[in-house]
Amino acid sequence: MESYSIIQQYALIGLDGTDSKNKSVEKTAVLRAIATGRFVEKLMESGGHQEADFQEKLEQGIKEARALGTRELKEVEKEIAAPLKADGALEEAPDLLGCDMYYETSGADLKVYRSDKEIYLRITEMLRCEALEEGALTEESVLLLWLIRESGFMHEIFSAREQGEVEQKMVAEAARQKWIGILWGKEFHKTFESLGKAFIRKKRELFRNPYMEGVNILYPFLDRRQAIFIDFVVLGTTVVDRRGAVLSPVYR
């Protein structure tokens, strides 16, 4: 993706479906990843990731990203979203949850970020090809995979089986280049955010079925929260019913 930096590519994947007006666990995790990714990207551009003190510098950068408060993260959001919106790659659209009677009657104006469908698919498909096919990963893809893993939405791009393949490939890459092993072994989110992501992950696993696995890669405009919500509210129906409910808007 020559037209977008690796951090912009990550933002187009990570911000898609998140609340554009209010703070949320999902968006906070993405914004913290963007701040961390910018730091690592600068190190990579200067060759600092190949130097002996890379781990020390990385830990310092992660520490600074963890210390960012709500105001600083809001600035990160504005800085990353503005050029993408100006380019037409990102927009704010009505939130599906706005149809809920509670929000409708309260007059709440719910908006979410939506990434351009073609750009979203192009980024994710290129990453999938590189991660799942034979051959070494580019440095940019290593960083992108790390940010996606730390943000908790690997499942939107890779199936459960494919995630195992990616993990094995990263172990091999870490053996090939020391800096990759250092990067892959680091985490950068606060405890509360990690607990929030863990809860969402457990909730998702509760309603997982083999037919719906990976649905968000085909329909990226489904919010990761709402995808879980849809399965929950139709509990008791068949897989065919749920799948039909998701696909029906596409064929209208």
Protein backbone atom coordinates (compact mmCIF):
# COMPACT_ATOMS: atom_id res chain seq x y z
CA MET A 1 0.00 0.00 0.00
CA GLU A 2 2.12 2.86 -1.32
CA SER A 3 -0.47 5.59 -0.75
CA TYR A 4 -0.83 5.02 3.01
CA SER A 5 1.78 4.62 5.71
CA ILE A 6 1.76 1.46 7.80
CA ILE A 7 0.19 3.36 10.70
CA GLN A 8 -2.52 4.76 8.42
CA GLN A 9 -3.20 1.25 7.16
CA TYR A 10 -3.53 0.07 10.74
CA ALA A 11 -5.87 2.97 11.55
CA LEU A 12 -8.15 2.10 8.63
CA ILE A 13 -8.48 -1.43 10.00
CA GLY A 14 -8.61 -0.56 13.68
CA LEU A 15 -10.90 2.48 13.67
CA ASP A 16 -13.47 0.89 11.36
CA GLY A 17 -16.65 0.30 13.36
CA THR A 18 -15.54 2.18 16.48
CA ASP A 19 -17.47 5.05 18.06
CA SER A 20 -16.31 8.29 16.41
CA LYS A 21 -17.83 10.60 19.04
CA ASN A 22 -17.34 8.90 22.39
CA LYS A 23 -14.62 7.10 24.28
CA SER A 24 -14.70 3.29 24.21
CA VAL A 25 -12.40 0.45 25.22
CA GLU A 26 -12.02 -0.63 21.59
CA LYS A 27 -11.12 2.83 20.29
CA THR A 28 -8.79 3.58 23.19
CA ALA A 29 -6.88 0.38 22.45
CA VAL A 30 -6.57 1.37 18.78
CA LEU A 31 -5.42 4.93 19.57
CA ARG A 32 -2.82 3.67 22.03
CA ALA A 33 -1.62 1.27 19.34
CA ILE A 34 -1.34 4.14 16.86
CA ALA A 35 0.78 6.14 19.31
CA THR A 36 3.01 3.14 19.96
CA GLY A 37 3.19 2.26 16.27
CA ARG A 38 4.33 5.76 15.33
CA PHE A 39 7.21 5.47 17.76
CA VAL A 40 8.27 2.06 16.41
CA GLU A 41 7.85 3.26 12.82
CA LYS A 42 10.30 6.11 13.45
CA LEU A 43 12.80 3.67 14.93
CA MET A 44 12.47 1.44 11.88
CA GLU A 45 12.94 4.35 9.48
CA SER A 46 16.16 5.38 11.25
CA GLY A 47 17.42 1.81 11.57
CA GLY A 48 17.08 1.93 15.35
CA HIS A 49 15.30 -1.43 15.44
CA GLN A 50 18.54 -3.09 14.37
CA GLU A 51 20.62 -1.47 17.10
CA ALA A 52 21.64 -3.10 20.38
CA ASP A 53 19.53 -0.76 22.51
CA PHE A 54 16.29 -1.41 20.60
CA GLN A 55 14.64 -3.17 23.53
CA GLU A 56 15.44 -0.30 25.87
CA LYS A 57 14.09 2.28 23.41
CA LEU A 58 10.99 0.17 22.74
CA GLU A 59 10.20 -0.16 26.42
CA GLN A 60 10.53 3.60 26.85
CA GLY A 61 8.21 4.23 23.91
CA ILE A 62 5.65 1.77 25.30
CA LYS A 63 5.87 3.43 28.70
CA GLU A 64 5.09 6.81 27.14
CA ALA A 65 2.17 5.38 25.15
CA ARG A 66 0.72 3.79 28.27
CA ALA A 67 0.89 7.13 30.07
CA LEU A 68 -1.25 8.93 27.47
CA GLY A 69 -4.49 10.24 28.93
CA THR A 70 -7.87 10.90 27.34
CA ARG A 71 -6.90 14.35 26.05
CA GLU A 72 -3.67 13.13 24.45
CA LEU A 73 -5.42 10.16 22.84
CA LYS A 74 -8.06 12.51 21.44
CA GLU A 75 -5.29 14.47 19.73
CA VAL A 76 -3.88 11.23 18.32
CA GLU A 77 -7.36 10.47 16.95
CA LYS A 78 -7.68 13.88 15.29
CA GLU A 79 -4.22 13.69 13.75
CA ILE A 80 -4.72 10.22 12.25
CA ALA A 81 -8.37 10.60 11.21
CA ALA A 82 -8.25 14.05 9.58
CA PRO A 83 -6.07 13.20 6.53
CA LEU A 84 -7.83 9.86 6.02
CA LYS A 85 -11.24 11.57 6.05
CA ALA A 86 -9.98 14.26 3.69
CA ASP A 87 -8.78 11.53 1.30
CA GLY A 88 -12.14 9.75 1.43
CA ALA A 89 -10.65 6.62 2.99
CA LEU A 90 -12.49 7.14 6.29
CA GLU A 91 -15.89 8.61 7.11
CA GLU A 92 -18.32 8.98 9.98
CA ALA A 93 -21.60 7.11 9.50
CA PRO A 94 -24.73 6.46 11.59
CA ASP A 95 -24.21 3.69 14.13
CA LEU A 96 -26.31 0.54 13.80
CA LEU A 97 -27.04 0.77 17.53
CA GLY A 98 -28.85 4.03 16.84
CA CYS A 99 -31.80 1.89 15.67
CA ASP A 100 -32.24 0.60 19.22
CA MET A 101 -35.41 2.01 20.84
CA TYR A 102 -33.47 3.23 23.88
CA TYR A 103 -31.09 5.37 21.80
CA GLU A 104 -33.77 6.41 19.29
CA THR A 105 -36.14 7.76 21.95
CA SER A 106 -33.34 9.50 23.85
CA GLY A 107 -32.31 11.41 20.72
CA ALA A 108 -28.72 10.19 20.92
CA ASP A 109 -26.67 10.85 17.78
CA LEU A 110 -24.48 7.77 17.45
CA LYS A 111 -21.73 7.78 14.84
CA VAL A 112 -19.02 5.27 13.94
CA TYR A 113 -15.97 5.34 11.71
CA ARG A 114 -16.31 3.53 8.40
CA SER A 115 -13.31 2.73 6.23
CA ASP A 116 -13.60 2.60 2.46
CA LYS A 117 -14.54 -1.01 1.65
CA GLU A 118 -12.09 -1.46 -1.23
CA ILE A 119 -9.17 0.04 0.68
CA TYR A 120 -10.01 -2.03 3.77
CA LEU A 121 -10.11 -5.28 1.79
CA ARG A 122 -6.96 -4.42 -0.14
CA ILE A 123 -4.99 -3.84 3.08
CA THR A 124 -6.28 -6.96 4.83
CA GLU A 125 -5.91 -9.23 1.80
CA MET A 126 -2.32 -8.12 1.21
CA LEU A 127 -1.54 -8.76 4.86
CA ARG A 128 -3.22 -12.18 4.76
CA CYS A 129 -1.28 -13.21 1.67
CA GLU A 130 2.04 -12.23 3.18
CA ALA A 131 1.30 -13.74 6.59
CA LEU A 132 -0.09 -17.07 5.35
CA GLU A 133 2.06 -17.77 2.29
CA GLU A 134 5.66 -18.95 2.29
CA GLY A 135 8.43 -16.39 2.49
CA ALA A 136 9.72 -13.82 4.95
CA LEU A 137 7.53 -10.99 6.18
CA THR A 138 8.37 -7.38 5.42
CA GLU A 139 9.24 -5.19 8.39
CA GLU A 140 6.06 -3.20 7.82
CA SER A 141 3.90 -6.33 7.99
CA VAL A 142 5.60 -7.42 11.21
CA LEU A 143 4.68 -4.09 12.80
CA LEU A 144 1.13 -4.22 11.43
CA LEU A 145 0.55 -7.75 12.76
CA TRP A 146 1.88 -6.77 16.18
CA LEU A 147 -0.42 -3.76 16.41
CA ILE A 148 -3.42 -5.82 15.33
CA ARG A 149 -2.64 -8.55 17.84
CA GLU A 150 -2.22 -6.07 20.67
CA SER A 151 -5.50 -4.35 19.77
CA GLY A 152 -7.41 -7.61 20.08
CA PHE A 153 -8.95 -8.04 16.62
CA MET A 154 -6.80 -10.67 14.90
CA HIS A 155 -10.04 -12.70 14.63
CA GLU A 156 -11.44 -10.15 12.16
CA ILE A 157 -8.68 -10.92 9.66
CA PHE A 158 -7.63 -14.50 10.42
CA SER A 159 -9.63 -17.58 11.36
CA ALA A 160 -8.71 -19.53 14.51
CA ARG A 161 -6.63 -21.97 12.45
CA GLU A 162 -4.91 -19.18 10.54
CA GLN A 163 -4.03 -17.38 13.76
CA GLY A 164 -2.06 -20.48 14.76
CA GLU A 165 -0.22 -20.37 11.43
CA VAL A 166 0.58 -16.69 11.91
CA GLU A 167 1.91 -17.37 15.40
CA GLN A 168 4.18 -20.13 14.07
CA LYS A 169 5.45 -17.85 11.32
CA MET A 170 6.23 -15.10 13.82
CA VAL A 171 8.21 -17.56 15.94
CA ALA A 172 10.25 -18.42 12.85
CA GLU A 173 10.70 -14.72 12.02
CA ALA A 174 11.83 -14.03 15.59
CA ALA A 175 14.51 -16.68 15.23
CA ARG A 176 15.66 -15.01 12.01
CA GLN A 177 15.79 -11.44 13.34
CA LYS A 178 16.27 -10.55 16.98
CA TRP A 179 14.29 -7.30 16.88
CA ILE A 180 11.17 -9.17 15.75
CA GLY A 181 11.36 -11.44 18.78
CA ILE A 182 11.73 -8.41 21.05
CA LEU A 183 8.78 -6.62 19.43
CA TRP A 184 6.49 -9.67 19.37
CA GLY A 185 7.09 -10.29 23.06
CA LYS A 186 5.97 -6.82 24.17
CA GLU A 187 2.54 -5.55 25.24
CA PHE A 188 1.54 -1.91 25.52
CA HIS A 189 -2.00 -1.65 26.90
CA LYS A 190 -3.13 -0.72 30.36
CA THR A 191 -4.53 -3.39 32.67
CA PHE A 192 -8.11 -2.07 32.47
CA GLU A 193 -8.04 -2.09 28.67
CA SER A 194 -6.62 -5.61 28.65
CA LEU A 195 -9.41 -6.77 30.97
CA GLY A 196 -11.98 -5.10 28.74
CA LYS A 197 -10.58 -6.82 25.67
CA ALA A 198 -10.48 -10.14 27.53
CA PHE A 199 -14.17 -9.80 28.43
CA ILE A 200 -15.10 -9.06 24.82
CA ARG A 201 -12.99 -11.99 23.64
CA LYS A 202 -14.67 -14.40 26.09
CA LYS A 203 -18.10 -13.10 25.10
CA ARG A 204 -17.22 -13.63 21.44
CA GLU A 205 -16.03 -17.19 22.08
CA LEU A 206 -19.33 -17.95 23.84
CA PHE A 207 -21.28 -17.24 20.66
CA ARG A 208 -18.71 -18.51 18.16
CA ASN A 209 -19.84 -20.97 15.47
CA PRO A 210 -17.88 -22.32 12.49
CA TYR A 211 -20.23 -20.83 9.90
CA MET A 212 -19.84 -17.23 11.04
CA GLU A 213 -16.10 -17.34 11.72
CA GLY A 214 -14.27 -14.62 9.83
CA VAL A 215 -17.49 -12.87 8.75
CA ASN A 216 -16.03 -9.43 9.50
CA ILE A 217 -13.33 -9.78 6.84
CA LEU A 218 -16.08 -10.09 4.20
CA TYR A 219 -18.31 -7.46 5.81
CA PRO A 220 -15.95 -4.99 7.53
CA PHE A 221 -18.80 -2.54 8.12
CA LEU A 222 -20.08 -4.77 10.92
CA ASP A 223 -18.84 -3.26 14.16
CA ARG A 224 -16.93 -5.79 16.26
CA ARG A 225 -19.21 -4.94 19.20
CA GLN A 226 -22.35 -5.16 17.12
CA ALA A 227 -21.30 -8.45 15.53
CA ILE A 228 -21.34 -9.94 19.03
CA PHE A 229 -24.60 -8.12 19.82
CA ILE A 230 -26.32 -9.56 16.74
CA ASP A 231 -25.54 -13.14 17.77
CA PHE A 232 -26.72 -12.40 21.30
CA VAL A 233 -30.13 -10.96 20.47
CA VAL A 234 -31.01 -13.85 18.16
CA LEU A 235 -29.99 -16.53 20.62
CA GLY A 236 -32.24 -19.54 20.05
CA THR A 237 -32.42 -19.22 16.27
CA THR A 238 -30.58 -21.48 13.84
CA VAL A 239 -27.26 -20.77 12.12
CA VAL A 240 -29.15 -20.33 8.84
CA ASP A 241 -31.41 -17.71 10.45
CA ARG A 242 -28.46 -15.75 11.85
CA ARG A 243 -26.51 -15.91 8.63
CA GLY A 244 -29.55 -14.78 6.65
CA ALA A 245 -30.11 -11.85 9.00
CA VAL A 246 -26.53 -10.66 8.46
CA LEU A 247 -26.57 -11.08 4.68
CA SER A 248 -30.08 -9.79 3.94
CA PRO A 249 -29.08 -6.07 3.77
CA VAL A 250 -26.48 -6.92 1.14
CA TYR A 251 -29.03 -8.38 -1.27
CA ARG A 252 -31.77 -5.78 -0.86
